[in-house]
C-alpha atoms as a PDB file:
ATOM      1  CA  UNK A   1      45.056  27.518  47.207  1.00  0.00           C
ATOM      2  CA  UNK A   2      43.675  24.086  48.376  1.00  0.00           C
ATOM      3  CA  UNK A   3      42.883  23.366  44.746  1.00  0.00           C
ATOM      4  CA  UNK A   4      40.051  26.035  44.651  1.00  0.00           C
ATOM      5  CA  UNK A   5      40.633  28.942  42.249  1.00  0.00           C
ATOM      6  CA  UNK A   6      38.747  32.135  42.817  1.00  0.00           C
ATOM      7  CA  UNK A   7      39.008  35.839  42.508  1.00  0.00           C
ATOM      8  CA  UNK A   8      36.638  38.313  44.013  1.00  0.00           C
ATOM      9  CA  UNK A   9      38.396  41.476  42.886  1.00  0.00           C
ATOM     10  CA  UNK A  10      38.346  42.804  46.513  1.00  0.00           C
ATOM     11  CA  UNK A  11      41.428  44.789  46.486  1.00  0.00           C
ATOM     12  CA  UNK A  12      40.514  46.389  43.062  1.00  0.00           C
ATOM     13  CA  UNK A  13      37.169  47.434  44.478  1.00  0.00           C
ATOM     14  CA  UNK A  14      38.716  48.955  47.636  1.00  0.00           C
ATOM     15  CA  UNK A  15      41.195  50.892  45.427  1.00  0.00           C
ATOM     16  CA  UNK A  16      38.398  52.138  43.212  1.00  0.00           C
ATOM     17  CA  UNK A  17      36.296  53.213  46.170  1.00  0.00           C
ATOM     18  CA  UNK A  18      39.140  55.078  47.926  1.00  0.00           C
ATOM     19  CA  UNK A  19      40.008  56.961  44.687  1.00  0.00           C
ATOM     20  CA  UNK A  20      36.344  57.756  43.891  1.00  0.00           C
ATOM     21  CA  UNK A  21      36.032  59.616  47.225  1.00  0.00           C
ATOM     22  CA  UNK A  22      38.464  62.238  46.119  1.00  0.00           C
ATOM     23  CA  UNK A  23      37.970  62.412  42.303  1.00  0.00           C
ATOM     24  CA  UNK A  24      35.627  65.384  42.168  1.00  0.00           C
ATOM     25  CA  UNK A  25      37.577  68.025  44.317  1.00  0.00           C
ATOM     26  CA  UNK A  26      37.675  71.512  42.832  1.00  0.00           C
ATOM     27  CA  UNK A  27      39.498  74.690  43.609  1.00  0.00           C
ATOM     28  CA  UNK A  28      38.731  78.152  42.478  1.00  0.00           C
ATOM     29  CA  UNK A  29      41.304  81.063  42.215  1.00  0.00           C
ATOM     30  CA  UNK A  30      40.085  84.622  42.599  1.00  0.00           C
ATOM     31  CA  UNK A  31      41.571  87.987  41.938  1.00  0.00           C
ATOM     32  CA  UNK A  32      42.030  90.877  44.458  1.00  0.00           C
ATOM     33  CA  UNK A  33      38.450  91.851  43.958  1.00  0.00           C
ATOM     34  CA  UNK A  34      37.113  88.510  44.959  1.00  0.00           C
ATOM     35  CA  UNK A  35      36.042  87.485  41.416  1.00  0.00           C
ATOM     36  CA  UNK A  36      36.563  83.925  40.357  1.00  0.00           C
ATOM     37  CA  UNK A  37      39.053  83.902  37.439  1.00  0.00           C
ATOM     38  CA  UNK A  38      39.954  80.173  37.326  1.00  0.00           C
ATOM     39  CA  UNK A  39      38.189  76.918  38.373  1.00  0.00           C
ATOM     40  CA  UNK A  40      39.802  73.568  38.026  1.00  0.00           C
ATOM     41  CA  UNK A  41      39.099  70.026  39.011  1.00  0.00           C
ATOM     42  CA  UNK A  42      42.202  68.472  40.889  1.00  0.00           C
ATOM     43  CA  UNK A  43      43.198  65.271  38.969  1.00  0.00           C
ATOM     44  CA  UNK A  44      43.953  62.099  41.001  1.00  0.00           C
ATOM     45  CA  UNK A  45      45.583  58.866  39.953  1.00  0.00           C
ATOM     46  CA  UNK A  46      47.159  55.726  41.558  1.00  0.00           C
ATOM     47  CA  UNK A  47      50.848  56.239  41.676  1.00  0.00           C
ATOM     48  CA  UNK A  48      53.660  56.690  44.350  1.00  0.00           C
ATOM     49  CA  UNK A  49      54.446  60.203  45.364  1.00  0.00           C
ATOM     50  CA  UNK A  50      58.201  59.903  44.300  1.00  0.00           C
ATOM     51  CA  UNK A  51      57.035  59.019  40.768  1.00  0.00           C
ATOM     52  CA  UNK A  52      54.888  62.063  40.541  1.00  0.00           C
ATOM     53  CA  UNK A  53      57.604  64.300  41.808  1.00  0.00           C
ATOM     54  CA  UNK A  54      60.165  62.871  39.397  1.00  0.00           C
ATOM     55  CA  UNK A  55      57.764  63.274  36.451  1.00  0.00           C
ATOM     56  CA  UNK A  56      57.244  66.879  37.675  1.00  0.00           C
ATOM     57  CA  UNK A  57      61.028  67.663  37.652  1.00  0.00           C
ATOM     58  CA  UNK A  58      61.977  65.961  34.376  1.00  0.00           C
ATOM     59  CA  UNK A  59      59.597  64.633  31.588  1.00  0.00           C
ATOM     60  CA  UNK A  60      61.285  62.216  29.198  1.00  0.00           C
ATOM     61  CA  UNK A  61      59.005  63.231  26.499  1.00  0.00           C
ATOM     62  CA  UNK A  62      60.143  66.875  25.772  1.00  0.00           C
ATOM     63  CA  UNK A  63      57.244  67.365  23.322  1.00  0.00           C
ATOM     64  CA  UNK A  64      54.565  66.751  25.921  1.00  0.00           C
ATOM     65  CA  UNK A  65      53.279  69.478  28.080  1.00  0.00           C
ATOM     66  CA  UNK A  66      54.758  69.778  31.518  1.00  0.00           C
ATOM     67  CA  UNK A  67      52.715  68.239  34.357  1.00  0.00           C
ATOM     68  CA  UNK A  68      50.686  70.853  36.056  1.00  0.00           C
ATOM     69  CA  UNK A  69      49.968  71.359  39.735  1.00  0.00           C
ATOM     70  CA  UNK A  70      47.834  70.907  41.747  1.00  0.00           C
ATOM     71  CA  UNK A  71      47.154  67.214  41.522  1.00  0.00           C
ATOM     72  CA  UNK A  72      46.721  64.165  43.920  1.00  0.00           C
ATOM     73  CA  UNK A  73      47.970  60.608  44.002  1.00  0.00           C
ATOM     74  CA  UNK A  74      47.431  57.692  46.265  1.00  0.00           C
ATOM     75  CA  UNK A  75      48.696  54.211  46.810  1.00  0.00           C
ATOM     76  CA  UNK A  76      48.442  51.201  49.203  1.00  0.00           C
ATOM     77  CA  UNK A  77      51.266  51.311  51.679  1.00  0.00           C
ATOM     78  CA  UNK A  78      50.491  48.082  53.594  1.00  0.00           C
ATOM     79  CA  UNK A  79      48.068  45.639  55.009  1.00  0.00           C
ATOM     80  CA  UNK A  80      47.611  44.315  58.614  1.00  0.00           C
ATOM     81  CA  UNK A  81      45.338  41.534  60.009  1.00  0.00           C
ATOM     82  CA  UNK A  82      42.719  42.876  62.305  1.00  0.00           C
ATOM     83  CA  UNK A  83      42.097  40.307  64.975  1.00  0.00           C
ATOM     84  CA  UNK A  84      39.675  42.388  66.946  1.00  0.00           C
ATOM     85  CA  UNK A  85      37.259  42.312  63.995  1.00  0.00           C
ATOM     86  CA  UNK A  86      37.429  38.561  63.343  1.00  0.00           C
ATOM     87  CA  UNK A  87      33.946  36.759  63.134  1.00  0.00           C
ATOM     88  CA  UNK A  88      33.175  33.142  63.797  1.00  0.00           C
ATOM     89  CA  UNK A  89      34.972  31.022  61.244  1.00  0.00           C
ATOM     90  CA  UNK A  90      32.017  28.707  60.674  1.00  0.00           C
ATOM     91  CA  UNK A  91      29.440  31.533  60.124  1.00  0.00           C
ATOM     92  CA  UNK A  92      27.969  31.504  56.705  1.00  0.00           C
ATOM     93  CA  UNK A  93      26.272  34.039  54.411  1.00  0.00           C
ATOM     94  CA  UNK A  94      23.488  32.520  52.343  1.00  0.00           C
ATOM     95  CA  UNK A  95      21.767  33.990  49.283  1.00  0.00           C
ATOM     96  CA  UNK A  96      19.368  32.757  46.643  1.00  0.00           C
ATOM     97  CA  UNK A  97      15.853  32.955  45.265  1.00  0.00           C
ATOM     98  CA  UNK A  98      13.053  30.423  45.022  1.00  0.00           C
ATOM     99  CA  UNK A  99      12.922  30.847  41.271  1.00  0.00           C
ATOM    100  CA  UNK A 100      16.570  30.005  40.695  1.00  0.00           C
ATOM    101  CA  UNK A 101      16.441  26.736  42.748  1.00  0.00           C
ATOM    102  CA  UNK A 102      20.016  27.216  43.958  1.00  0.00           C
ATOM    103  CA  UNK A 103      21.614  28.797  47.035  1.00  0.00           C
ATOM    104  CA  UNK A 104      24.981  30.587  47.273  1.00  0.00           C
ATOM    105  CA  UNK A 105      26.923  30.196  50.512  1.00  0.00           C
ATOM    106  CA  UNK A 106      30.134  31.800  51.725  1.00  0.00           C
ATOM    107  CA  UNK A 107      32.176  31.510  55.005  1.00  0.00           C
ATOM    108  CA  UNK A 108      33.004  34.574  57.112  1.00  0.00           C
ATOM    109  CA  UNK A 109      35.566  36.926  55.601  1.00  0.00           C
ATOM    110  CA  UNK A 110      39.107  37.667  56.872  1.00  0.00           C
ATOM    111  CA  UNK A 111      39.334  41.220  58.301  1.00  0.00           C
ATOM    112  CA  UNK A 112      42.390  43.362  57.295  1.00  0.00           C
ATOM    113  CA  UNK A 113      43.336  46.922  57.713  1.00  0.00           C
ATOM    114  CA  UNK A 114      44.561  48.392  54.406  1.00  0.00           C
ATOM    115  CA  UNK A 115      46.858  51.426  54.752  1.00  0.00           C
ATOM    116  CA  UNK A 116      46.303  54.115  52.100  1.00  0.00           C
ATOM    117  CA  UNK A 117      48.527  57.103  51.545  1.00  0.00           C
ATOM    118  CA  UNK A 118      46.970  60.187  49.752  1.00  0.00           C
ATOM    119  CA  UNK A 119      49.381  62.915  48.538  1.00  0.00           C
ATOM    120  CA  UNK A 120      48.236  66.362  47.583  1.00  0.00           C
ATOM    121  CA  UNK A 121      50.912  68.222  45.468  1.00  0.00           C
ATOM    122  CA  UNK A 122      50.512  71.948  44.928  1.00  0.00           C
ATOM    123  CA  UNK A 123      52.609  74.894  43.760  1.00  0.00           C
ATOM    124  CA  UNK A 124      50.953  77.387  46.076  1.00  0.00           C
ATOM    125  CA  UNK A 125      50.147  76.804  49.867  1.00  0.00           C
ATOM    126  CA  UNK A 126      46.758  78.360  49.350  1.00  0.00           C
ATOM    127  CA  UNK A 127      45.768  75.661  46.814  1.00  0.00           C
ATOM    128  CA  UNK A 128      46.744  72.935  49.308  1.00  0.00           C
ATOM    129  CA  UNK A 129      44.587  74.567  52.006  1.00  0.00           C
ATOM    130  CA  UNK A 130      41.554  74.637  49.545  1.00  0.00           C
ATOM    131  CA  UNK A 131      41.979  70.927  48.876  1.00  0.00           C
ATOM    132  CA  UNK A 132      42.565  69.908  52.470  1.00  0.00           C
ATOM    133  CA  UNK A 133      39.559  71.742  53.852  1.00  0.00           C
ATOM    134  CA  UNK A 134      37.300  69.902  51.414  1.00  0.00           C
ATOM    135  CA  UNK A 135      38.489  66.511  52.961  1.00  0.00           C
ATOM    136  CA  UNK A 136      38.971  66.958  56.656  1.00  0.00           C
ATOM    137  CA  UNK A 137      35.322  67.758  57.618  1.00  0.00           C
ATOM    138  CA  UNK A 138      34.100  64.373  56.412  1.00  0.00           C
ATOM    139  CA  UNK A 139      36.558  62.397  58.689  1.00  0.00           C
ATOM    140  CA  UNK A 140      35.631  62.483  62.351  1.00  0.00           C
ATOM    141  CA  UNK A 141      37.934  60.543  62.303  1.00  0.00           C
ATOM    142  CA  UNK A 142      36.281  58.014  60.031  1.00  0.00           C
ATOM    143  CA  UNK A 143      34.002  58.121  56.982  1.00  0.00           C
ATOM    144  CA  UNK A 144      31.877  55.069  56.204  1.00  0.00           C
ATOM    145  CA  UNK A 145      31.190  53.940  52.734  1.00  0.00           C
ATOM    146  CA  UNK A 146      29.056  51.086  51.293  1.00  0.00           C
ATOM    147  CA  UNK A 147      30.945  48.604  49.130  1.00  0.00           C
ATOM    148  CA  UNK A 148      29.550  45.831  46.917  1.00  0.00           C
ATOM    149  CA  UNK A 149      32.045  43.184  47.878  1.00  0.00           C
ATOM    150  CA  UNK A 150      30.686  40.013  46.188  1.00  0.00           C
ATOM    151  CA  UNK A 151      28.636  40.095  42.930  1.00  0.00           C
ATOM    152  CA  UNK A 152      27.477  36.447  43.191  1.00  0.00           C
ATOM    153  CA  UNK A 153      25.399  37.103  46.302  1.00  0.00           C
ATOM    154  CA  UNK A 154      24.890  40.858  45.766  1.00  0.00           C
ATOM    155  CA  UNK A 155      26.456  41.626  49.159  1.00  0.00           C
ATOM    156  CA  UNK A 156      27.048  45.231  50.359  1.00  0.00           C
ATOM    157  CA  UNK A 157      29.316  45.838  53.326  1.00  0.00           C
ATOM    158  CA  UNK A 158      29.791  49.185  55.257  1.00  0.00           C
ATOM    159  CA  UNK A 159      33.552  49.918  55.257  1.00  0.00           C
ATOM    160  CA  UNK A 160      34.921  52.595  57.680  1.00  0.00           C
ATOM    161  CA  UNK A 161      37.952  54.619  56.389  1.00  0.00           C
ATOM    162  CA  UNK A 162      39.878  56.323  59.216  1.00  0.00           C
ATOM    163  CA  UNK A 163      42.093  59.402  58.802  1.00  0.00           C
ATOM    164  CA  UNK A 164      45.147  58.768  60.956  1.00  0.00           C
ATOM    165  CA  UNK A 165      47.473  61.725  60.253  1.00  0.00           C
ATOM    166  CA  UNK A 166      48.126  64.815  58.136  1.00  0.00           C
ATOM    167  CA  UNK A 167      51.681  66.111  57.355  1.00  0.00           C
ATOM    168  CA  UNK A 168      53.243  68.743  55.008  1.00  0.00           C
ATOM    169  CA  UNK A 169      56.513  68.785  53.227  1.00  0.00           C
ATOM    170  CA  UNK A 170      58.162  71.430  51.113  1.00  0.00           C
ATOM    171  CA  UNK A 171      60.340  69.937  48.362  1.00  0.00           C
ATOM    172  CA  UNK A 172      61.822  73.295  47.321  1.00  0.00           C
ATOM    173  CA  UNK A 173      65.525  72.817  48.296  1.00  0.00           C
ATOM    174  CA  UNK A 174      67.431  73.868  45.235  1.00  0.00           C
ATOM    175  CA  UNK A 175      67.969  76.971  42.988  1.00  0.00           C
ATOM    176  CA  UNK A 176      65.307  79.307  41.620  1.00  0.00           C
ATOM    177  CA  UNK A 177      65.075  77.300  38.277  1.00  0.00           C
ATOM    178  CA  UNK A 178      63.741  74.127  40.088  1.00  0.00           C
ATOM    179  CA  UNK A 179      59.933  73.827  40.231  1.00  0.00           C
ATOM    180  CA  UNK A 180      58.516  74.054  43.674  1.00  0.00           C
ATOM    181  CA  UNK A 181      56.072  71.409  45.019  1.00  0.00           C
ATOM    182  CA  UNK A 182      54.201  71.499  48.349  1.00  0.00           C
ATOM    183  CA  UNK A 183      53.169  68.007  49.465  1.00  0.00           C
ATOM    184  CA  UNK A 184      50.442  67.266  51.885  1.00  0.00           C
ATOM    185  CA  UNK A 185      50.383  63.573  52.999  1.00  0.00           C
ATOM    186  CA  UNK A 186      47.271  62.024  54.452  1.00  0.00           C
ATOM    187  CA  UNK A 187      47.446  58.571  55.949  1.00  0.00           C
ATOM    188  CA  UNK A 188      44.208  56.477  56.017  1.00  0.00           C
ATOM    189  CA  UNK A 189      43.223  53.014  57.276  1.00  0.00           C
ATOM    190  CA  UNK A 190      40.420  51.131  55.446  1.00  0.00           C
ATOM    191  CA  UNK A 191      38.900  48.417  57.623  1.00  0.00           C
ATOM    192  CA  UNK A 192      38.250  45.919  54.820  1.00  0.00           C
ATOM    193  CA  UNK A 193      37.381  42.300  54.541  1.00  0.00           C
ATOM    194  CA  UNK A 194      38.619  39.564  52.080  1.00  0.00           C
ATOM    195  CA  UNK A 195      36.192  36.833  51.202  1.00  0.00           C
ATOM    196  CA  UNK A 196      36.725  33.268  50.224  1.00  0.00           C
ATOM    197  CA  UNK A 197      35.030  31.310  47.385  1.00  0.00           C
ATOM    198  CA  UNK A 198      31.318  31.291  46.806  1.00  0.00           C
ATOM    199  CA  UNK A 199      29.759  27.733  46.856  1.00  0.00           C
ATOM    200  CA  UNK A 200      26.601  27.159  44.862  1.00  0.00           C
ATOM    201  CA  UNK A 201      24.299  24.363  46.012  1.00  0.00           C
ATOM    202  CA  UNK A 202      20.838  23.112  44.874  1.00  0.00           C
ATOM    203  CA  UNK A 203      17.891  23.514  47.126  1.00  0.00           C
ATOM    204  CA  UNK A 204      17.011  20.425  49.242  1.00  0.00           C
ATOM    205  CA  UNK A 205      13.614  19.041  48.100  1.00  0.00           C
ATOM    206  CA  UNK A 206      13.621  15.530  49.681  1.00  0.00           C
ATOM    207  CA  UNK A 207      15.006  14.300  52.875  1.00  0.00           C
ATOM    208  CA  UNK A 208      15.342  10.562  53.989  1.00  0.00           C
ATOM    209  CA  UNK A 209      16.084  10.558  57.709  1.00  0.00           C
ATOM    210  CA  UNK A 210      17.230   7.561  59.740  1.00  0.00           C
ATOM    211  CA  UNK A 211      16.612   8.087  63.470  1.00  0.00           C
ATOM    212  CA  UNK A 212      19.240   6.455  65.675  1.00  0.00           C
ATOM    213  CA  UNK A 213      20.768   5.049  67.907  1.00  0.00           C
ATOM    214  CA  UNK A 214      18.827   1.924  66.775  1.00  0.00           C
ATOM    215  CA  UNK A 215      16.404   0.746  64.146  1.00  0.00           C
ATOM    216  CA  UNK A 216      15.169  -2.007  66.356  1.00  0.00           C
ATOM    217  CA  UNK A 217      11.614  -1.213  67.710  1.00  0.00           C
ATOM    218  CA  UNK A 218      12.287  -2.737  71.201  1.00  0.00           C
ATOM    219  CA  UNK A 219      15.221  -0.238  71.511  1.00  0.00           C
ATOM    220  CA  UNK A 220      13.199   2.731  70.713  1.00  0.00           C
ATOM    221  CA  UNK A 221      14.483   3.206  67.172  1.00  0.00           C
ATOM    222  CA  UNK A 222      12.464   3.706  64.017  1.00  0.00           C
ATOM    223  CA  UNK A 223      13.265   4.385  60.359  1.00  0.00           C
ATOM    224  CA  UNK A 224      11.087   7.162  58.795  1.00  0.00           C
ATOM    225  CA  UNK A 225      10.852   8.746  55.395  1.00  0.00           C
ATOM    226  CA  UNK A 226       9.933  12.317  54.814  1.00  0.00           C
ATOM    227  CA  UNK A 227       7.725  12.630  51.630  1.00  0.00           C
ATOM    228  CA  UNK A 228       6.122  15.677  50.010  1.00  0.00           C
ATOM    229  CA  UNK A 229       2.444  15.254  49.595  1.00  0.00           C
ATOM    230  CA  UNK A 230      -0.443  17.554  48.530  1.00  0.00           C
ATOM    231  CA  UNK A 231      -3.742  17.600  50.369  1.00  0.00           C
ATOM    232  CA  UNK A 232      -6.582  17.203  47.877  1.00  0.00           C
ATOM    233  CA  UNK A 233      -9.319  19.751  47.540  1.00  0.00           C
ATOM    234  CA  UNK A 234     -12.753  18.124  48.035  1.00  0.00           C
ATOM    235  CA  UNK A 235     -15.758  19.539  46.236  1.00  0.00           C
ATOM    236  CA  UNK A 236     -19.054  19.795  48.220  1.00  0.00           C
ATOM    237  CA  UNK A 237     -22.557  19.614  46.978  1.00  0.00           C
ATOM    238  CA  UNK A 238     -22.530  23.456  46.632  1.00  0.00           C
ATOM    239  CA  UNK A 239     -20.237  25.441  44.339  1.00  0.00           C
ATOM    240  CA  UNK A 240     -16.563  24.791  44.683  1.00  0.00           C
ATOM    241  CA  UNK A 241     -14.431  27.117  42.511  1.00  0.00           C
ATOM    242  CA  UNK A 242     -10.730  26.603  42.037  1.00  0.00           C
ATOM    243  CA  UNK A 243      -8.206  29.312  41.448  1.00  0.00           C
ATOM    244  CA  UNK A 244      -8.592  30.232  37.887  1.00  0.00           C
ATOM    245  CA  UNK A 245      -5.561  29.632  35.642  1.00  0.00           C
ATOM    246  CA  UNK A 246      -3.898  27.271  38.145  1.00  0.00           C
ATOM    247  CA  UNK A 247      -3.161  23.581  37.269  1.00  0.00           C
ATOM    248  CA  UNK A 248      -4.740  20.743  39.161  1.00  0.00           C
ATOM    249  CA  UNK A 249      -4.768  16.918  38.930  1.00  0.00           C
ATOM    250  CA  UNK A 250      -7.911  14.849  39.170  1.00  0.00           C
ATOM    251  CA  UNK A 251      -7.564  12.837  42.397  1.00  0.00           C
ATOM    252  CA  UNK A 252     -10.940  11.282  42.757  1.00  0.00           C
ATOM    253  CA  UNK A 253     -14.266  11.445  40.728  1.00  0.00           C
ATOM    254  CA  UNK A 254     -16.355  10.841  43.911  1.00  0.00           C
ATOM    255  CA  UNK A 255     -19.999  10.822  42.659  1.00  0.00           C
ATOM    256  CA  UNK A 256     -19.188  12.691  39.451  1.00  0.00           C
ATOM    257  CA  UNK A 257     -18.593  11.076  36.058  1.00  0.00           C
ATOM    258  CA  UNK A 258     -16.318  11.610  33.134  1.00  0.00           C
ATOM    259  CA  UNK A 259     -19.188  13.428  31.369  1.00  0.00           C
ATOM    260  CA  UNK A 260     -19.425  15.919  34.304  1.00  0.00           C
ATOM    261  CA  UNK A 261     -15.655  16.680  33.900  1.00  0.00           C
ATOM    262  CA  UNK A 262     -16.003  17.093  30.125  1.00  0.00           C
ATOM    263  CA  UNK A 263     -18.909  19.480  30.771  1.00  0.00           C
ATOM    264  CA  UNK A 264     -16.699  21.462  33.359  1.00  0.00           C
ATOM    265  CA  UNK A 265     -13.672  21.745  31.128  1.00  0.00           C
ATOM    266  CA  UNK A 266     -15.094  21.777  27.581  1.00  0.00           C
ATOM    267  CA  UNK A 267     -18.672  22.995  28.046  1.00  0.00           C
ATOM    268  CA  UNK A 268     -20.092  19.781  26.420  1.00  0.00           C
ATOM    269  CA  UNK A 269     -20.450  16.221  27.687  1.00  0.00           C
ATOM    270  CA  UNK A 270     -20.425  14.800  24.179  1.00  0.00           C
ATOM    271  CA  UNK A 271     -17.024  15.988  23.152  1.00  0.00           C
ATOM    272  CA  UNK A 272     -14.172  13.497  22.381  1.00  0.00           C
ATOM    273  CA  UNK A 273     -12.063  14.699  25.284  1.00  0.00           C
ATOM    274  CA  UNK A 274     -12.319  12.186  28.079  1.00  0.00           C
ATOM    275  CA  UNK A 275     -10.619  13.148  31.362  1.00  0.00           C
ATOM    276  CA  UNK A 276      -9.370  10.318  33.553  1.00  0.00           C
ATOM    277  CA  UNK A 277      -8.105  10.068  37.174  1.00  0.00           C
ATOM    278  CA  UNK A 278      -4.597  11.512  37.272  1.00  0.00           C
ATOM    279  CA  UNK A 279      -5.154  13.911  34.328  1.00  0.00           C
ATOM    280  CA  UNK A 280      -3.979  17.492  34.745  1.00  0.00           C
ATOM    281  CA  UNK A 281      -6.255  20.439  33.792  1.00  0.00           C
ATOM    282  CA  UNK A 282      -6.199  24.255  34.206  1.00  0.00           C
ATOM    283  CA  UNK A 283      -8.980  25.686  36.296  1.00  0.00           C
ATOM    284  CA  UNK A 284     -11.376  27.917  34.397  1.00  0.00           C
ATOM    285  CA  UNK A 285     -13.135  29.756  37.120  1.00  0.00           C
ATOM    286  CA  UNK A 286     -16.335  27.511  37.135  1.00  0.00           C
ATOM    287  CA  UNK A 287     -17.499  25.081  39.877  1.00  0.00           C
ATOM    288  CA  UNK A 288     -15.874  21.674  39.697  1.00  0.00           C
ATOM    289  CA  UNK A 289     -18.165  18.509  39.773  1.00  0.00           C
ATOM    290  CA  UNK A 290     -19.724  17.828  43.175  1.00  0.00           C
ATOM    291  CA  UNK A 291     -17.914  15.563  45.653  1.00  0.00           C
ATOM    292  CA  UNK A 292     -14.913  15.131  43.396  1.00  0.00           C
ATOM    293  CA  UNK A 293     -11.289  15.652  44.634  1.00  0.00           C
ATOM    294  CA  UNK A 294      -8.350  17.447  42.985  1.00  0.00           C
ATOM    295  CA  UNK A 295      -4.887  18.293  44.081  1.00  0.00           C
ATOM    296  CA  UNK A 296      -2.875  21.273  43.059  1.00  0.00           C
ATOM    297  CA  UNK A 297       0.111  20.820  40.831  1.00  0.00           C
ATOM    298  CA  UNK A 298       3.334  22.344  42.156  1.00  0.00           C
ATOM    299  CA  UNK A 299       4.939  24.881  39.751  1.00  0.00           C
ATOM    300  CA  UNK A 300       8.668  25.583  39.285  1.00  0.00           C
ATOM    301  CA  UNK A 301       9.621  22.781  41.599  1.00  0.00           C
ATOM    302  CA  UNK A 302       7.884  24.446  44.548  1.00  0.00           C
ATOM    303  CA  UNK A 303       6.860  21.105  46.255  1.00  0.00           C
ATOM    304  CA  UNK A 304       8.190  22.416  49.616  1.00  0.00           C
ATOM    305  CA  UNK A 305       5.133  24.746  49.737  1.00  0.00           C
ATOM    306  CA  UNK A 306       3.030  21.821  50.394  1.00  0.00           C
ATOM    307  CA  UNK A 307       2.516  19.630  53.528  1.00  0.00           C
ATOM    308  CA  UNK A 308       5.418  17.226  54.377  1.00  0.00           C
ATOM    309  CA  UNK A 309       4.132  13.881  55.546  1.00  0.00           C
ATOM    310  CA  UNK A 310       6.205  11.458  57.732  1.00  0.00           C
ATOM    311  CA  UNK A 311       5.664   7.925  56.793  1.00  0.00           C
ATOM    312  CA  UNK A 312       7.090   4.567  58.178  1.00  0.00           C
ATOM    313  CA  UNK A 313      10.127   3.772  56.191  1.00  0.00           C
ATOM    314  CA  UNK A 314      10.620   0.082  57.117  1.00  0.00           C
ATOM    315  CA  UNK A 315       6.950  -1.113  57.252  1.00  0.00           C
ATOM    316  CA  UNK A 316       6.854  -1.553  61.053  1.00  0.00           C
ATOM    317  CA  UNK A 317       5.227   0.619  63.637  1.00  0.00           C
ATOM    318  CA  UNK A 318       7.114   2.063  66.598  1.00  0.00           C
ATOM    319  CA  UNK A 319       5.635   0.397  69.767  1.00  0.00           C
ATOM    320  CA  UNK A 320       7.750   2.260  72.278  1.00  0.00           C
END
């Protein structure tokens, strides 16, 4: 839509989250003495209730074993826009790291209520009660789950799931040869969100600002330029030790000489390595030559960590 293709797999995630909530329900059958004689996990799958009942009554593959009860199925029965949960349309979610050099942005999501229907099919009424009583205590009337909605920005959102109603139906209406199925129907509302595309942008490292309404000095206007500059480190007569292992650039020799820098960096003033103004070196933990100046070298594009200086962009001074 609008020439921008994207797919966040939101509906797929919501379906998976809803089914996962009920995929570990177990029931135990006991004898008259109260001893457990059978324990089973109730299977669950995404399918309409009518399809499951039809498969229960007649299996087209006669060689396959008959479908056993109890089991559960669920499906989406509808979606409705939730106007009361709408956020500001221009609100943005921003994510990113300094190492990546990029930012991911995304506008506010659209709130929708997703209607789910959970069907519990059992042969015995007692089995239905055992399953139902493992579900109802967690909905008062809602249960909130955390869903990872967008992978690109690693965004987690708390999604409430509200239990609206519970009803029972007995499908046994035929002769004694027809298999009986007791169906418990639970209707839920998931308060979900649907997100638009994620836009990736590079981090802003340089800004050239023109201050208006006018560039004429007499009218109070002035053109300025924002530049990234580093403040030099000035060595004193006493020991000035730089951060070991960090890179610096020779800004000014001051009263020192090239031989002093050769001694500092190589241990000997007679070596063939001659360091000049503007050369980059790695600090070794010793004191730099007295009264010289060096500037730290930004790493990984982190120029923004250093002082931003505002300079005159048109060569004139603002006299207003």
